[in-house]
N, C-alpha and C. Protein backbone atom coordinates (compact mmCIF):
# COMPACT_ATOMS: atom_id res chain seq x y z
N TYR A 1 2.04 9.49 -1.88
CA TYR A 1 2.60 9.80 -0.74
C TYR A 1 2.01 8.81 0.31
N LEU A 2 2.67 8.42 1.31
CA LEU A 2 2.23 7.68 2.47
C LEU A 2 2.33 8.50 3.61
N SER A 3 1.24 8.62 4.32
CA SER A 3 1.15 9.45 5.70
C SER A 3 1.77 8.49 6.76
N GLN A 4 2.83 9.14 7.39
CA GLN A 4 3.37 8.43 8.62
C GLN A 4 3.53 9.44 9.64
N GLY A 5 2.49 9.51 10.68
CA GLY A 5 2.59 10.41 11.65
C GLY A 5 2.37 11.82 11.10
N LYS A 6 3.13 12.84 11.34
CA LYS A 6 2.94 14.19 10.75
C LYS A 6 3.73 14.30 9.46
N GLU A 7 4.49 13.38 9.01
CA GLU A 7 5.19 13.30 7.74
C GLU A 7 4.40 12.62 6.56
N ALA A 8 4.77 12.90 5.42
CA ALA A 8 4.13 12.24 4.28
C ALA A 8 5.40 11.91 3.32
N ARG A 9 5.65 10.55 3.22
CA ARG A 9 6.83 10.07 2.40
C ARG A 9 6.36 9.68 1.01
N ARG A 10 7.17 9.83 -0.07
CA ARG A 10 6.78 9.61 -1.36
C ARG A 10 7.09 8.00 -1.45
N LEU A 11 6.10 7.43 -2.11
CA LEU A 11 6.33 5.98 -2.39
C LEU A 11 5.93 5.71 -3.90
N GLY A 12 7.01 5.47 -4.70
CA GLY A 12 6.59 5.28 -6.07
C GLY A 12 6.11 3.97 -6.32
N VAL A 13 5.15 3.79 -7.15
CA VAL A 13 4.49 2.46 -7.36
C VAL A 13 4.77 2.18 -8.94
N LEU A 14 5.47 1.11 -9.03
CA LEU A 14 6.15 0.58 -10.32
C LEU A 14 5.26 -0.62 -10.90
N SER A 15 4.60 -1.28 -10.07
CA SER A 15 3.70 -2.31 -10.65
C SER A 15 2.50 -2.55 -9.71
N ALA A 16 1.27 -2.51 -10.30
CA ALA A 16 0.10 -2.57 -9.47
C ALA A 16 -1.08 -3.11 -10.33
N ARG A 17 -2.04 -3.53 -9.80
CA ARG A 17 -3.35 -3.88 -10.48
C ARG A 17 -4.44 -3.77 -9.59
N MET A 18 -5.65 -3.60 -10.19
CA MET A 18 -6.93 -3.47 -9.43
C MET A 18 -7.45 -4.88 -9.07
N GLU A 19 -8.16 -4.96 -7.91
CA GLU A 19 -8.93 -6.13 -7.64
C GLU A 19 -10.29 -5.68 -7.13
N SER A 20 -11.29 -6.23 -7.81
CA SER A 20 -12.71 -5.88 -7.49
C SER A 20 -13.22 -7.02 -6.44
N PHE A 21 -13.90 -6.40 -5.46
CA PHE A 21 -14.71 -7.45 -4.52
C PHE A 21 -15.70 -6.63 -3.97
N SER A 22 -16.76 -7.09 -3.52
CA SER A 22 -17.88 -6.61 -2.85
C SER A 22 -17.67 -6.32 -1.44
N GLY A 23 -18.29 -5.40 -0.75
CA GLY A 23 -18.08 -4.99 0.53
C GLY A 23 -17.21 -3.78 0.82
N ASN A 24 -17.18 -3.35 2.03
CA ASN A 24 -16.41 -2.23 2.42
C ASN A 24 -15.35 -2.79 3.36
N TYR A 25 -14.14 -2.55 2.90
CA TYR A 25 -13.00 -3.08 3.65
C TYR A 25 -12.16 -2.02 4.37
N GLY A 26 -12.38 -0.81 4.10
CA GLY A 26 -11.60 0.30 4.53
C GLY A 26 -11.90 1.57 3.76
N ASP A 27 -11.39 2.66 4.23
CA ASP A 27 -11.58 3.94 3.53
C ASP A 27 -10.68 4.01 2.37
N PRO A 28 -11.04 4.76 1.24
CA PRO A 28 -10.07 4.74 0.19
C PRO A 28 -8.72 5.32 0.64
N GLY A 29 -7.65 4.68 0.10
CA GLY A 29 -6.27 5.07 0.47
C GLY A 29 -5.77 4.31 1.70
N GLU A 30 -6.49 3.61 2.42
CA GLU A 30 -6.17 2.99 3.71
C GLU A 30 -5.31 1.66 3.28
N VAL A 31 -4.30 1.45 3.94
CA VAL A 31 -3.44 0.24 3.83
C VAL A 31 -4.14 -0.90 4.49
N LEU A 32 -4.58 -1.98 3.82
CA LEU A 32 -5.33 -2.95 4.40
C LEU A 32 -4.33 -4.22 4.99
N GLY A 33 -3.20 -4.35 4.35
CA GLY A 33 -2.26 -5.42 4.64
C GLY A 33 -1.67 -6.05 3.43
N VAL A 34 -1.18 -7.25 3.77
CA VAL A 34 -0.72 -8.00 2.58
C VAL A 34 -1.46 -9.34 2.27
N SER A 35 -1.45 -9.51 1.01
CA SER A 35 -2.05 -10.70 0.39
C SER A 35 -1.18 -11.37 -0.52
N GLY A 36 -0.55 -12.40 -0.18
CA GLY A 36 0.42 -13.12 -1.07
C GLY A 36 1.70 -12.26 -1.02
N GLU A 37 2.02 -11.70 -2.28
CA GLU A 37 3.26 -10.85 -2.48
C GLU A 37 2.75 -9.35 -2.62
N ASP A 38 1.43 -9.17 -2.53
CA ASP A 38 1.05 -7.71 -2.73
C ASP A 38 0.60 -7.03 -1.54
N LEU A 39 0.72 -5.69 -1.57
CA LEU A 39 0.37 -4.83 -0.43
C LEU A 39 -1.09 -4.29 -0.86
N LEU A 40 -2.14 -4.49 -0.12
CA LEU A 40 -3.45 -3.98 -0.55
C LEU A 40 -3.77 -2.74 -0.06
N ILE A 41 -4.25 -1.85 -0.86
CA ILE A 41 -4.85 -0.44 -0.56
C ILE A 41 -6.19 -0.40 -0.88
N ALA A 42 -7.05 0.06 0.11
CA ALA A 42 -8.45 0.16 -0.13
C ALA A 42 -8.79 1.24 -1.26
N CYS A 43 -9.70 0.98 -2.11
CA CYS A 43 -10.29 1.92 -3.12
C CYS A 43 -11.83 1.98 -2.79
N ARG A 44 -12.54 2.82 -3.33
CA ARG A 44 -13.99 3.00 -3.32
C ARG A 44 -14.65 1.61 -3.61
N GLN A 45 -14.26 1.06 -4.66
CA GLN A 45 -14.70 -0.32 -5.10
C GLN A 45 -13.47 -1.24 -5.26
N GLY A 46 -13.22 -2.10 -4.35
CA GLY A 46 -12.12 -3.10 -4.47
C GLY A 46 -10.96 -2.60 -3.75
N ALA A 47 -9.90 -2.96 -4.34
CA ALA A 47 -8.56 -2.60 -3.70
C ALA A 47 -7.39 -2.55 -4.89
N LEU A 48 -6.27 -1.73 -4.52
CA LEU A 48 -5.28 -1.70 -5.48
C LEU A 48 -4.19 -2.64 -4.87
N ARG A 49 -3.75 -3.68 -5.66
CA ARG A 49 -2.69 -4.49 -5.25
C ARG A 49 -1.40 -3.96 -5.68
N LEU A 50 -0.49 -3.42 -4.72
CA LEU A 50 0.76 -2.99 -5.03
C LEU A 50 1.70 -4.19 -5.13
N ARG A 51 2.53 -4.37 -6.24
CA ARG A 51 3.39 -5.47 -6.47
C ARG A 51 4.82 -4.95 -6.12
N MET A 52 5.33 -3.88 -6.85
CA MET A 52 6.60 -3.38 -6.69
C MET A 52 6.67 -1.91 -6.40
N VAL A 53 7.41 -1.38 -5.35
CA VAL A 53 7.30 -0.03 -4.89
C VAL A 53 8.70 0.48 -4.86
N GLN A 54 8.86 1.70 -4.69
CA GLN A 54 10.13 2.42 -4.48
C GLN A 54 10.00 3.52 -3.31
N PRO A 55 10.34 3.24 -2.19
CA PRO A 55 10.27 4.23 -1.08
C PRO A 55 11.16 5.45 -1.43
N GLU A 56 10.81 6.63 -0.96
CA GLU A 56 11.67 7.63 -1.12
C GLU A 56 13.16 7.61 -0.71
N GLY A 57 14.03 7.73 -1.58
CA GLY A 57 15.44 7.58 -1.24
C GLY A 57 16.00 6.10 -1.22
N LYS A 58 15.24 5.14 -1.49
CA LYS A 58 15.48 3.71 -1.41
C LYS A 58 15.40 3.16 -2.88
N ALA A 59 15.91 1.81 -2.81
CA ALA A 59 15.85 1.13 -3.98
C ALA A 59 14.53 0.36 -4.19
N LEU A 60 14.18 -0.01 -5.48
CA LEU A 60 13.11 -0.70 -5.91
C LEU A 60 12.84 -2.06 -5.09
N MET A 61 11.82 -2.34 -4.64
CA MET A 61 11.64 -3.51 -3.81
C MET A 61 10.09 -4.14 -3.86
N LYS A 62 9.98 -5.49 -3.55
CA LYS A 62 8.66 -5.99 -3.61
C LYS A 62 7.86 -5.27 -2.56
N ALA A 63 6.51 -5.02 -2.80
CA ALA A 63 5.63 -4.42 -1.74
C ALA A 63 5.53 -5.20 -0.58
N LYS A 64 5.65 -6.44 -0.65
CA LYS A 64 5.64 -7.16 0.70
C LYS A 64 6.83 -7.04 1.52
N ASP A 65 8.04 -6.87 0.86
CA ASP A 65 9.24 -6.54 1.68
C ASP A 65 9.16 -5.20 2.36
N PHE A 66 8.62 -4.20 1.54
CA PHE A 66 8.37 -2.90 2.10
C PHE A 66 7.40 -2.94 3.39
N PHE A 67 6.26 -3.63 3.19
CA PHE A 67 5.41 -3.87 4.16
C PHE A 67 6.04 -4.54 5.61
N ASN A 68 6.81 -5.50 5.24
CA ASN A 68 7.55 -6.15 6.36
C ASN A 68 8.49 -5.31 7.13
N GLY A 69 9.02 -4.41 6.50
CA GLY A 69 10.08 -3.43 7.08
C GLY A 69 9.43 -2.33 7.85
N GLN A 70 8.14 -2.14 7.74
CA GLN A 70 7.36 -0.93 8.25
C GLN A 70 6.71 -1.42 9.59
N SER A 71 6.78 -0.64 10.68
CA SER A 71 5.95 -0.96 11.75
C SER A 71 4.69 -0.10 11.67
N ARG A 72 3.62 -0.79 12.04
CA ARG A 72 2.34 -0.06 12.12
C ARG A 72 1.77 0.49 10.82
N LEU A 73 1.96 -0.15 9.74
CA LEU A 73 1.62 0.36 8.37
C LEU A 73 0.08 0.20 8.04
N VAL A 74 -0.57 -0.88 8.58
CA VAL A 74 -1.90 -1.07 8.50
C VAL A 74 -2.65 0.16 9.03
N SER A 75 -3.68 0.52 8.26
CA SER A 75 -4.50 1.65 8.50
C SER A 75 -3.80 3.06 8.10
N LYS A 76 -2.65 3.09 7.69
CA LYS A 76 -2.13 4.38 7.28
C LYS A 76 -2.76 4.66 6.00
N LEU A 77 -2.64 6.04 5.63
CA LEU A 77 -3.44 6.37 4.37
C LEU A 77 -2.32 6.83 3.33
N PHE A 78 -2.68 6.52 2.03
CA PHE A 78 -1.92 7.10 0.92
C PHE A 78 -2.66 8.40 0.41
């Protein structure tokens, strides 16, 4: 689920992979932004790179396209 204001919307993740890196880039579950074609979500150690997602009630899409269609998605929490 992705928190948007007082609402939480289901976001299906159909393709993802972990990326390890050192340092603290955000709280676990926090949307960090886009890197290449992937939407980055902070984890305790590293980040989850979302490649393909399916928003609630919508068709399957690239995570980058989902990010581009959302306003103020950075810093939101999963």
